[in-house]
Amino acid sequence: MASLREAVSVIDEKLSLADKAAILVEALPYIRRFSGTTVVVKYGGNAIAEGDGGSRDETLESFAQDIVLLHSVGLRPVVVHGGGPQIDSLLTRLGIASEFHEGLRVTTAETLEVVKMVLLGQVNPSIVAQLNRLGSRGIGISGADAQLVRCTPVSDHHGLVGAVSQVNAEVLHRLLDDGFIPVVASIATDESGQVYNVNADHVASAVASALHAEKLVYLTNIEGLRLNVDDPTSLVRSIGAEELRDLLRQGTIVGGMIPKIRSALEAVDGGVRAIHLLDGRATHALLVEIFTDIGIGTMIHA
């Protein structure tokens, strides 16, 4: 369990000591409730690429502070990340065309090399470095390491895009038990050892289910689920899984939110108690959602 000083140091320096104390008092019952539980956080490439009025580095630092505080007060966080915008940027610079089919990036052998360069050489080490700079024990790992995530091909049309078939939870349990914060890049291998590009939302869902996580949090560039994508006032604060399935069947949920909601429902079916959809660009969004009475995003419950 962290000291009061460690927890206060993560909270915005602009706040008075009285304000910080009030925040901690409000957070205390949540800290007690969730201490010792596993929380899987999917950090989307869109959240990394865009900030809340600040730079990308400031956004990443705010995220890392949240993860370190969760870890310091006894939670067991696991980070799963993608890197879509960063992959798009490098593909464009290299003159390689991007193609999507049914919401997934069509991945050729050439595209896969770019995916690996971005996820393993840019995004993953950036997150790990921020965690370690703040005094924590972040450790980078991909789904291909130690056969952590196994997959099968999605379809011939998608190329080297995998669907998660198995997660080796023992690998993550050992890292968590040793006090590390695993940061998982969303690639995987099949039975032959072939590497695949895998949607990070689905990796996060599968990891959360395998770990019997208390919570799965999606941090992206939207504030949550809207019943009308063009109307911010239609934001859903809390919704049950069955009602959410009805919205999917009715066609209320559209566009890029569909695969995210499907993966969230898979996590519910896998035993995860609560799923949260948050705007990862907002400062300390993760702490506000988990440790305060009001929250700021959408919570999906069984």
Protein backbone atom coordinates (compact mmCIF):
# COMPACT_ATOMS: atom_id res chain seq x y z
CA MET A 1 0.00 0.00 0.00
CA ALA A 2 1.36 3.42 -0.93
CA SER A 3 2.00 6.22 1.52
CA LEU A 4 -0.26 9.27 1.54
CA ARG A 5 2.65 11.31 0.17
CA GLU A 6 3.02 8.99 -2.85
CA ALA A 7 -0.67 9.23 -3.67
CA VAL A 8 -0.82 13.02 -3.27
CA SER A 9 2.23 13.47 -5.54
CA VAL A 10 0.27 12.10 -8.51
CA ILE A 11 -2.63 14.52 -8.09
CA ASP A 12 -2.56 17.81 -10.00
CA GLU A 13 0.01 20.21 -8.53
CA LYS A 14 -2.42 23.14 -9.02
CA LEU A 15 -4.78 21.81 -6.35
CA SER A 16 -4.55 22.95 -2.75
CA LEU A 17 -3.65 20.47 -0.04
CA ALA A 18 -7.25 20.61 1.19
CA ASP A 19 -8.55 19.72 -2.27
CA LYS A 20 -6.07 16.86 -2.54
CA ALA A 21 -7.10 15.55 0.86
CA ALA A 22 -10.77 15.67 -0.15
CA ILE A 23 -10.01 13.66 -3.29
CA LEU A 24 -8.16 11.04 -1.28
CA VAL A 25 -10.98 10.76 1.27
CA GLU A 26 -13.45 10.16 -1.55
CA ALA A 27 -11.09 7.61 -3.11
CA LEU A 28 -10.43 5.67 0.11
CA PRO A 29 -13.44 3.30 0.00
CA TYR A 30 -12.71 2.48 -3.64
CA ILE A 31 -9.05 1.85 -2.86
CA ARG A 32 -10.06 -0.52 -0.07
CA ARG A 33 -12.59 -2.26 -2.29
CA PHE A 34 -10.31 -2.79 -5.29
CA SER A 35 -6.96 -3.35 -3.59
CA GLY A 36 -5.57 -6.71 -4.69
CA THR A 37 -7.79 -6.92 -7.78
CA THR A 38 -6.62 -6.95 -11.39
CA VAL A 39 -7.50 -4.10 -13.73
CA VAL A 40 -6.79 -4.39 -17.46
CA VAL A 41 -6.43 -1.05 -19.24
CA LYS A 42 -6.53 -0.86 -23.01
CA TYR A 43 -4.65 2.28 -24.02
CA GLY A 44 -5.66 3.14 -27.57
CA GLY A 45 -3.42 4.71 -30.15
CA ASN A 46 -5.91 7.54 -30.56
CA ALA A 47 -5.61 8.40 -26.87
CA ILE A 48 -1.82 8.41 -27.19
CA ALA A 49 -1.82 10.57 -30.31
CA GLU A 50 -4.20 13.26 -29.03
CA GLY A 51 -4.00 15.26 -25.83
CA ASP A 52 -6.44 17.23 -23.70
CA GLY A 53 -5.16 20.62 -24.77
CA GLY A 54 -1.58 19.52 -24.12
CA SER A 55 1.15 17.62 -25.85
CA ARG A 56 1.27 13.91 -26.56
CA ASP A 57 4.01 13.57 -23.92
CA GLU A 58 1.79 15.23 -21.30
CA THR A 59 -1.09 12.90 -22.14
CA LEU A 60 1.14 9.84 -21.83
CA GLU A 61 2.58 11.14 -18.56
CA SER A 62 -0.91 11.64 -17.11
CA PHE A 63 -1.84 8.09 -18.12
CA ALA A 64 1.36 6.69 -16.61
CA GLN A 65 0.73 8.57 -13.36
CA ASP A 66 -2.71 6.97 -13.14
CA ILE A 67 -1.32 3.48 -13.69
CA VAL A 68 1.45 4.01 -11.14
CA LEU A 69 -1.03 5.24 -8.54
CA LEU A 70 -3.29 2.22 -9.12
CA HIS A 71 -0.26 -0.01 -8.63
CA SER A 72 0.93 1.93 -5.57
CA VAL A 73 -2.37 1.55 -3.70
CA GLY A 74 -2.54 -2.20 -4.21
CA LEU A 75 -4.28 -2.79 -7.55
CA ARG A 76 -2.70 -5.04 -10.18
CA PRO A 77 -2.83 -3.12 -13.47
CA VAL A 78 -2.10 -4.67 -16.88
CA VAL A 79 -1.81 -2.36 -19.88
CA VAL A 80 -2.73 -3.55 -23.39
CA HIS A 81 -2.03 -1.11 -26.21
CA GLY A 82 -2.55 -0.64 -29.90
CA GLY A 83 -1.11 2.04 -32.14
CA GLY A 84 -3.41 2.60 -35.11
CA PRO A 85 -2.65 6.28 -35.81
CA GLN A 86 1.08 5.70 -35.36
CA ILE A 87 0.95 2.74 -37.77
CA ASP A 88 -1.01 4.84 -40.28
CA SER A 89 1.60 7.60 -40.05
CA LEU A 90 4.56 5.31 -40.71
CA LEU A 91 2.78 3.49 -43.54
CA THR A 92 2.10 6.84 -45.19
CA ARG A 93 5.71 7.93 -44.81
CA LEU A 94 6.84 4.65 -46.37
CA GLY A 95 4.34 4.95 -49.24
CA ILE A 96 2.43 1.81 -48.24
CA ALA A 97 -1.33 1.94 -48.75
CA SER A 98 -3.68 1.21 -45.84
CA GLU A 99 -6.74 -0.97 -46.35
CA PHE A 100 -9.45 -1.89 -43.87
CA HIS A 101 -12.03 -4.65 -44.11
CA GLU A 102 -14.85 -5.03 -41.59
CA GLY A 103 -13.09 -2.62 -39.26
CA LEU A 104 -9.75 -4.46 -39.23
CA ARG A 105 -6.52 -3.47 -40.94
CA VAL A 106 -5.72 -5.78 -43.87
CA THR A 107 -2.20 -6.89 -43.01
CA THR A 108 0.29 -8.06 -45.60
CA ALA A 109 3.78 -9.28 -44.69
CA GLU A 110 5.07 -5.80 -45.49
CA THR A 111 2.41 -4.12 -43.35
CA LEU A 112 3.11 -6.52 -40.49
CA GLU A 113 6.73 -5.38 -40.36
CA VAL A 114 5.52 -1.80 -39.93
CA VAL A 115 3.05 -2.88 -37.24
CA LYS A 116 5.86 -4.59 -35.32
CA MET A 117 8.17 -1.59 -35.71
CA VAL A 118 5.54 0.77 -34.29
CA LEU A 119 4.15 -1.41 -31.50
CA LEU A 120 7.41 -2.99 -30.34
CA GLY A 121 9.84 -0.22 -31.22
CA GLN A 122 7.86 2.94 -30.48
CA VAL A 123 4.63 2.68 -28.49
CA ASN A 124 5.50 -0.12 -26.06
CA PRO A 125 8.88 1.26 -24.94
CA SER A 126 7.39 4.77 -24.62
CA ILE A 127 4.75 3.56 -22.15
CA VAL A 128 7.24 1.41 -20.24
CA ALA A 129 9.73 4.28 -20.01
CA GLN A 130 7.11 6.62 -18.54
CA LEU A 131 6.06 4.06 -15.93
CA ASN A 132 9.67 3.46 -14.92
CA ARG A 133 10.50 7.16 -14.86
CA LEU A 134 7.79 7.53 -12.21
CA GLY A 135 9.46 4.88 -10.09
CA SER A 136 7.31 1.89 -11.00
CA ARG A 137 8.27 -1.47 -12.53
CA GLY A 138 6.84 -1.42 -16.03
CA ILE A 139 7.87 -4.29 -18.28
CA GLY A 140 7.22 -4.54 -22.00
CA ILE A 141 5.89 -7.77 -23.48
CA SER A 142 4.04 -8.73 -26.62
CA GLY A 143 1.46 -11.40 -27.23
CA ALA A 144 4.16 -13.29 -29.12
CA ASP A 145 6.42 -13.53 -26.06
CA ALA A 146 6.28 -16.80 -24.10
CA GLN A 147 3.23 -17.72 -26.21
CA LEU A 148 1.24 -15.21 -24.18
CA VAL A 149 -1.47 -14.76 -26.82
CA ARG A 150 -2.24 -17.44 -29.40
CA CYS A 151 -4.44 -16.75 -32.39
CA THR A 152 -5.94 -18.09 -35.58
CA PRO A 153 -6.34 -16.20 -38.90
CA VAL A 154 -9.47 -14.05 -39.14
CA SER A 155 -9.91 -14.68 -42.86
CA ASP A 156 -7.98 -14.97 -46.11
CA HIS A 157 -9.05 -11.45 -47.05
CA HIS A 158 -7.54 -9.93 -43.89
CA GLY A 159 -4.14 -11.50 -44.42
CA LEU A 160 -1.99 -11.65 -41.29
CA VAL A 161 -4.74 -10.56 -38.91
CA GLY A 162 -5.42 -12.89 -36.01
CA ALA A 163 -8.37 -13.66 -33.75
CA VAL A 164 -7.40 -14.52 -30.17
CA SER A 165 -7.81 -18.22 -29.40
CA GLN A 166 -5.94 -18.52 -26.09
CA VAL A 167 -4.19 -16.41 -23.42
CA ASN A 168 -1.46 -17.87 -21.21
CA ALA A 169 -2.51 -16.16 -17.99
CA GLU A 170 0.33 -17.74 -16.01
CA VAL A 171 2.85 -15.45 -17.71
CA LEU A 172 1.01 -12.34 -16.54
CA HIS A 173 0.25 -13.74 -13.09
CA ARG A 174 3.96 -14.32 -12.49
CA LEU A 175 4.84 -10.78 -13.56
CA LEU A 176 2.07 -9.31 -11.40
CA ASP A 177 3.04 -11.44 -8.40
CA ASP A 178 6.62 -10.17 -8.75
CA GLY A 179 5.43 -6.55 -8.64
CA PHE A 180 5.70 -5.70 -12.34
CA ILE A 181 3.23 -3.76 -14.48
CA PRO A 182 2.96 -5.71 -17.76
CA VAL A 183 2.58 -3.58 -20.90
CA VAL A 184 1.29 -5.85 -23.67
CA ALA A 185 1.64 -5.06 -27.39
CA SER A 186 -1.24 -6.45 -29.45
CA ILE A 187 0.46 -9.00 -31.67
CA ALA A 188 0.16 -12.78 -31.33
CA THR A 189 1.30 -16.05 -32.88
CA ASP A 190 -0.44 -19.10 -34.27
CA GLU A 191 0.47 -22.74 -33.62
CA SER A 192 3.33 -22.57 -36.13
CA GLY A 193 4.86 -19.42 -34.63
CA GLN A 194 3.66 -17.08 -37.39
CA VAL A 195 3.18 -13.56 -36.04
CA TYR A 196 -0.18 -11.81 -36.55
CA ASN A 197 -1.56 -8.33 -36.08
CA VAL A 198 -4.45 -8.52 -33.59
CA ASN A 199 -7.03 -5.88 -32.69
CA ALA A 200 -5.99 -4.45 -29.31
CA ASP A 201 -9.58 -4.24 -28.03
CA HIS A 202 -9.95 -7.98 -28.46
CA VAL A 203 -6.56 -8.71 -26.91
CA ALA A 204 -7.54 -6.60 -23.89
CA SER A 205 -10.88 -8.41 -23.58
CA ALA A 206 -9.25 -11.84 -23.80
CA VAL A 207 -6.53 -10.89 -21.30
CA ALA A 208 -9.10 -9.49 -18.85
CA SER A 209 -11.18 -12.67 -19.11
CA ALA A 210 -8.15 -14.94 -18.66
CA LEU A 211 -7.04 -13.00 -15.57
CA HIS A 212 -10.58 -12.85 -14.10
CA ALA A 213 -10.09 -9.10 -13.90
CA GLU A 214 -12.28 -6.92 -11.73
CA LYS A 215 -12.35 -4.24 -14.41
CA LEU A 216 -11.52 -3.71 -18.07
CA VAL A 217 -11.03 -0.09 -19.07
CA TYR A 218 -10.89 1.16 -22.68
CA LEU A 219 -9.11 4.51 -23.03
CA THR A 220 -9.69 6.05 -26.44
CA ASN A 221 -10.53 9.44 -28.01
CA ILE A 222 -14.24 9.50 -27.14
CA GLU A 223 -15.87 10.05 -23.77
CA GLY A 224 -17.94 6.86 -23.83
CA LEU A 225 -20.93 5.32 -25.54
CA ARG A 226 -23.39 7.73 -27.18
CA LEU A 227 -26.83 6.61 -28.28
CA ASN A 228 -26.50 9.28 -30.98
CA VAL A 229 -22.90 9.67 -32.12
CA ASP A 230 -23.47 13.33 -33.02
CA ASP A 231 -25.11 14.25 -29.71
CA PRO A 232 -22.82 14.58 -26.66
CA THR A 233 -25.87 14.72 -24.38
CA SER A 234 -26.77 11.14 -25.37
CA LEU A 235 -23.78 9.76 -23.45
CA VAL A 236 -24.71 6.60 -21.53
CA ARG A 237 -23.31 6.61 -18.00
CA SER A 238 -24.20 3.04 -17.02
CA ILE A 239 -25.75 0.15 -18.94
CA GLY A 240 -26.27 -3.57 -18.48
CA ALA A 241 -24.87 -6.14 -20.87
CA GLU A 242 -28.28 -7.39 -22.04
CA GLU A 243 -29.52 -3.89 -22.81
CA LEU A 244 -26.30 -3.29 -24.71
CA ARG A 245 -26.84 -6.45 -26.78
CA ASP A 246 -30.30 -5.13 -27.68
CA LEU A 247 -28.78 -1.84 -28.87
CA LEU A 248 -26.37 -3.78 -31.06
CA ARG A 249 -29.18 -5.82 -32.59
CA GLN A 250 -31.25 -2.69 -33.18
CA GLY A 251 -28.39 -0.98 -35.02
CA THR A 252 -28.16 1.88 -32.50
CA ILE A 253 -24.43 1.30 -32.10
CA VAL A 254 -22.56 2.09 -35.30
CA GLY A 255 -19.11 2.54 -36.82
CA GLY A 256 -15.93 1.96 -34.87
CA MET A 257 -17.83 1.53 -31.62
CA ILE A 258 -19.22 -1.83 -32.79
CA PRO A 259 -16.02 -3.92 -32.40
CA LYS A 260 -15.26 -2.20 -29.09
CA ILE A 261 -18.71 -3.02 -27.71
CA ARG A 262 -18.50 -6.59 -28.98
CA SER A 263 -15.16 -7.08 -27.24
CA ALA A 264 -16.59 -5.54 -24.07
CA LEU A 265 -19.48 -8.00 -24.13
CA GLU A 266 -17.03 -10.86 -24.65
CA ALA A 267 -15.28 -9.70 -21.47
CA VAL A 268 -18.57 -9.69 -19.57
CA ASP A 269 -19.24 -13.22 -20.82
CA GLY A 270 -15.70 -14.10 -19.68
CA GLY A 271 -16.46 -13.05 -16.11
CA VAL A 272 -15.14 -9.48 -15.98
CA ARG A 273 -17.32 -7.59 -13.49
CA ALA A 274 -17.28 -4.12 -15.08
CA ILE A 275 -16.10 -2.54 -18.32
CA HIS A 276 -15.46 1.19 -18.65
CA LEU A 277 -15.24 3.31 -21.82
CA LEU A 278 -13.33 6.56 -21.22
CA ASP A 279 -11.75 9.48 -23.06
CA GLY A 280 -8.06 8.79 -22.47
CA ARG A 281 -7.14 12.31 -23.54
CA ALA A 282 -8.73 13.76 -20.39
CA THR A 283 -6.30 14.38 -17.56
CA HIS A 284 -6.35 11.52 -14.99
CA ALA A 285 -9.47 10.02 -16.58
CA LEU A 286 -8.65 6.59 -15.15
CA LEU A 287 -8.43 7.80 -11.55
CA VAL A 288 -11.61 9.84 -11.78
CA GLU A 289 -13.57 6.90 -13.18
CA ILE A 290 -12.36 4.29 -10.70
CA PHE A 291 -11.85 6.30 -7.50
CA THR A 292 -14.65 8.90 -7.46
CA ASP A 293 -18.40 8.77 -6.92
CA ILE A 294 -19.41 10.34 -10.24
CA GLY A 295 -17.04 8.86 -12.84
CA ILE A 296 -16.75 10.38 -16.29
CA GLY A 297 -17.37 7.69 -18.92
CA THR A 298 -19.63 4.72 -19.62
CA MET A 299 -19.73 1.69 -17.34
CA ILE A 300 -20.98 -1.65 -18.68
CA HIS A 301 -22.00 -4.23 -16.10
CA ALA A 302 -23.27 -7.80 -16.20
